[in-house]
Amino acid sequence: MAVNLSTLLFRVRASVSDISVANMDDLAMYRELQKANNFVQAVKRSTVTDIDLEIPLICLAAYYAHATYTLLNARQQGTIDESALLRDNNLRRIAQVQLELISSVSLDENLNVDAARYERIRGLAFALSPGVMYDWRL
């Protein structure tokens, strides 16, 4: 059973209550929730249940929504509000902690898959080889 994103929309909006509906409508907020869901589905462990995905989804969608709001507000005003940047950083850290609980991969501080860590991991090679067991069918 998949997570119903429309039921989480109001919880995301409550997480970023400083963004009014006039500044970001429900459709835009739902798009941020869809982006968060796509990311969470890509990085989650296979053993994580749908109930366990709700809080990370809400936190990540809140971060995405607030970051989008801050960027749009900065474009309109020509300056970035320092308190909005602090709020973005706090929301990002909260989302990062929640994602680390369900993630099967390492994430960096920008909530991206930590590719540098995987570049340092040595690979294993596999090849076909003759078996040590005798084939009794012959």
Protein backbone atom coordinates (compact mmCIF):
# COMPACT_ATOMS: atom_id res chain seq x y z
CA MET A 1 0.00 0.00 0.00
CA ALA A 2 1.42 3.37 -1.00
CA VAL A 3 1.39 6.56 1.02
CA ASN A 4 -1.57 8.82 0.20
CA LEU A 5 0.10 12.16 -0.50
CA SER A 6 -3.08 14.21 -0.44
CA THR A 7 -3.64 13.33 3.23
CA LEU A 8 -0.15 14.62 4.06
CA LEU A 9 -0.65 17.98 2.35
CA PHE A 10 -2.18 19.70 5.37
CA ARG A 11 0.55 18.38 7.65
CA VAL A 12 3.18 19.81 5.28
CA ARG A 13 1.36 23.14 5.22
CA ALA A 14 1.26 23.15 9.03
CA SER A 15 5.03 22.51 9.09
CA VAL A 16 5.65 25.65 7.06
CA SER A 17 2.89 27.81 8.49
CA ASP A 18 4.93 30.95 7.74
CA ILE A 19 4.08 30.45 4.04
CA SER A 20 0.59 31.71 3.36
CA VAL A 21 -1.75 30.18 0.79
CA ALA A 22 -1.45 33.42 -1.20
CA ASN A 23 2.31 32.88 -1.55
CA MET A 24 2.16 29.14 -2.29
CA ASP A 25 -1.13 27.50 -3.15
CA ASP A 26 -2.05 23.90 -2.43
CA LEU A 27 -1.16 22.72 -5.94
CA ALA A 28 2.39 24.09 -5.64
CA MET A 29 2.69 22.56 -2.17
CA TYR A 30 1.45 19.23 -3.54
CA ARG A 31 4.14 19.35 -6.26
CA GLU A 32 6.79 19.73 -3.56
CA LEU A 33 5.27 16.75 -1.78
CA GLN A 34 5.47 14.73 -5.00
CA LYS A 35 9.15 15.66 -5.43
CA ALA A 36 9.80 14.60 -1.84
CA ASN A 37 7.98 11.32 -2.44
CA ASN A 38 10.05 10.58 -5.55
CA PHE A 39 13.27 11.15 -3.62
CA VAL A 40 12.17 9.13 -0.60
CA GLN A 41 11.05 6.22 -2.77
CA ALA A 42 14.46 6.25 -4.48
CA VAL A 43 16.56 6.16 -1.30
CA LYS A 44 14.44 4.17 1.17
CA ARG A 45 15.42 0.75 2.44
CA SER A 46 13.24 -2.12 1.28
CA THR A 47 12.30 -2.99 4.87
CA VAL A 48 10.75 0.41 5.63
CA THR A 49 6.96 0.40 5.93
CA ASP A 50 4.68 3.07 4.49
CA ILE A 51 3.80 4.32 7.97
CA ASP A 52 7.50 4.98 8.59
CA LEU A 53 7.68 7.13 5.44
CA GLU A 54 5.15 9.75 6.52
CA ILE A 55 7.37 11.86 8.79
CA PRO A 56 10.37 11.91 6.41
CA LEU A 57 8.01 12.84 3.55
CA ILE A 58 6.48 15.68 5.52
CA CYS A 59 9.87 17.01 6.64
CA LEU A 60 11.42 16.83 3.16
CA ALA A 61 8.38 18.38 1.49
CA ALA A 62 8.41 21.19 4.07
CA TYR A 63 12.07 21.84 3.30
CA TYR A 64 11.44 21.80 -0.47
CA ALA A 65 8.44 24.14 -0.11
CA HIS A 66 10.26 26.61 2.11
CA ALA A 67 13.35 26.61 -0.11
CA THR A 68 11.17 27.30 -3.17
CA TYR A 69 9.34 30.05 -1.30
CA THR A 70 12.63 31.63 -0.18
CA LEU A 71 14.02 31.55 -3.72
CA LEU A 72 10.89 33.10 -5.24
CA ASN A 73 10.77 35.73 -2.51
CA ALA A 74 14.43 36.60 -3.09
CA ARG A 75 13.80 37.02 -6.82
CA GLN A 76 10.89 39.37 -6.19
CA GLN A 77 12.58 41.49 -3.53
CA GLY A 78 16.14 41.27 -4.81
CA THR A 79 17.44 40.31 -1.38
CA ILE A 80 17.36 37.21 0.79
CA ASP A 81 15.84 37.43 4.23
CA GLU A 82 18.34 36.12 6.78
CA SER A 83 15.66 34.55 8.95
CA ALA A 84 14.32 32.64 5.94
CA LEU A 85 17.80 31.22 5.33
CA LEU A 86 18.01 30.11 8.96
CA ARG A 87 14.60 28.48 8.67
CA ASP A 88 15.70 26.72 5.45
CA ASN A 89 18.80 25.36 7.18
CA ASN A 90 16.76 24.13 10.15
CA LEU A 91 14.21 22.43 7.90
CA ARG A 92 17.02 20.83 5.87
CA ARG A 93 18.69 19.45 8.99
CA ILE A 94 15.41 18.05 10.28
CA ALA A 95 14.73 16.42 6.91
CA GLN A 96 18.27 15.01 6.81
CA VAL A 97 17.87 13.37 10.22
CA GLN A 98 14.54 11.84 9.23
CA LEU A 99 15.90 10.61 5.89
CA GLU A 100 18.91 8.97 7.53
CA LEU A 101 16.50 6.80 9.52
CA ILE A 102 14.97 5.26 6.39
CA SER A 103 17.69 5.64 3.76
CA SER A 104 19.68 2.81 2.27
CA VAL A 105 22.33 5.22 0.96
CA SER A 106 24.45 7.94 2.54
CA LEU A 107 23.28 11.51 2.06
CA ASP A 108 25.43 14.62 2.09
CA GLU A 109 24.56 17.90 3.82
CA ASN A 110 22.58 19.09 0.77
CA LEU A 111 20.29 16.03 0.84
CA ASN A 112 21.90 14.47 -2.21
CA VAL A 113 23.24 10.95 -2.49
CA ASP A 114 26.83 11.13 -1.25
CA ALA A 115 28.58 10.10 -4.47
CA ALA A 116 32.05 10.86 -3.06
CA ARG A 117 31.60 8.11 -0.47
CA TYR A 118 30.68 5.56 -3.12
CA GLU A 119 33.66 6.51 -5.27
CA ARG A 120 35.96 5.40 -2.43
CA ILE A 121 34.33 1.97 -2.09
CA ARG A 122 36.21 -0.81 -3.80
CA GLY A 123 34.21 -2.84 -6.26
CA LEU A 124 33.95 -6.58 -6.41
CA ALA A 125 34.32 -8.51 -9.62
CA PHE A 126 32.31 -11.59 -10.42
CA ALA A 127 32.90 -14.01 -13.24
CA LEU A 128 31.76 -17.44 -14.30
CA SER A 129 34.14 -20.19 -13.33
CA PRO A 130 34.03 -23.98 -13.28
CA GLY A 131 32.40 -25.34 -10.17
CA VAL A 132 34.03 -27.62 -7.67
CA MET A 133 30.99 -29.88 -7.51
CA TYR A 134 30.84 -32.75 -9.95
CA ASP A 135 27.85 -32.70 -12.27
CA TRP A 136 26.18 -36.08 -11.59
CA ARG A 137 23.86 -35.73 -14.54
CA LEU A 138 26.61 -36.66 -17.00
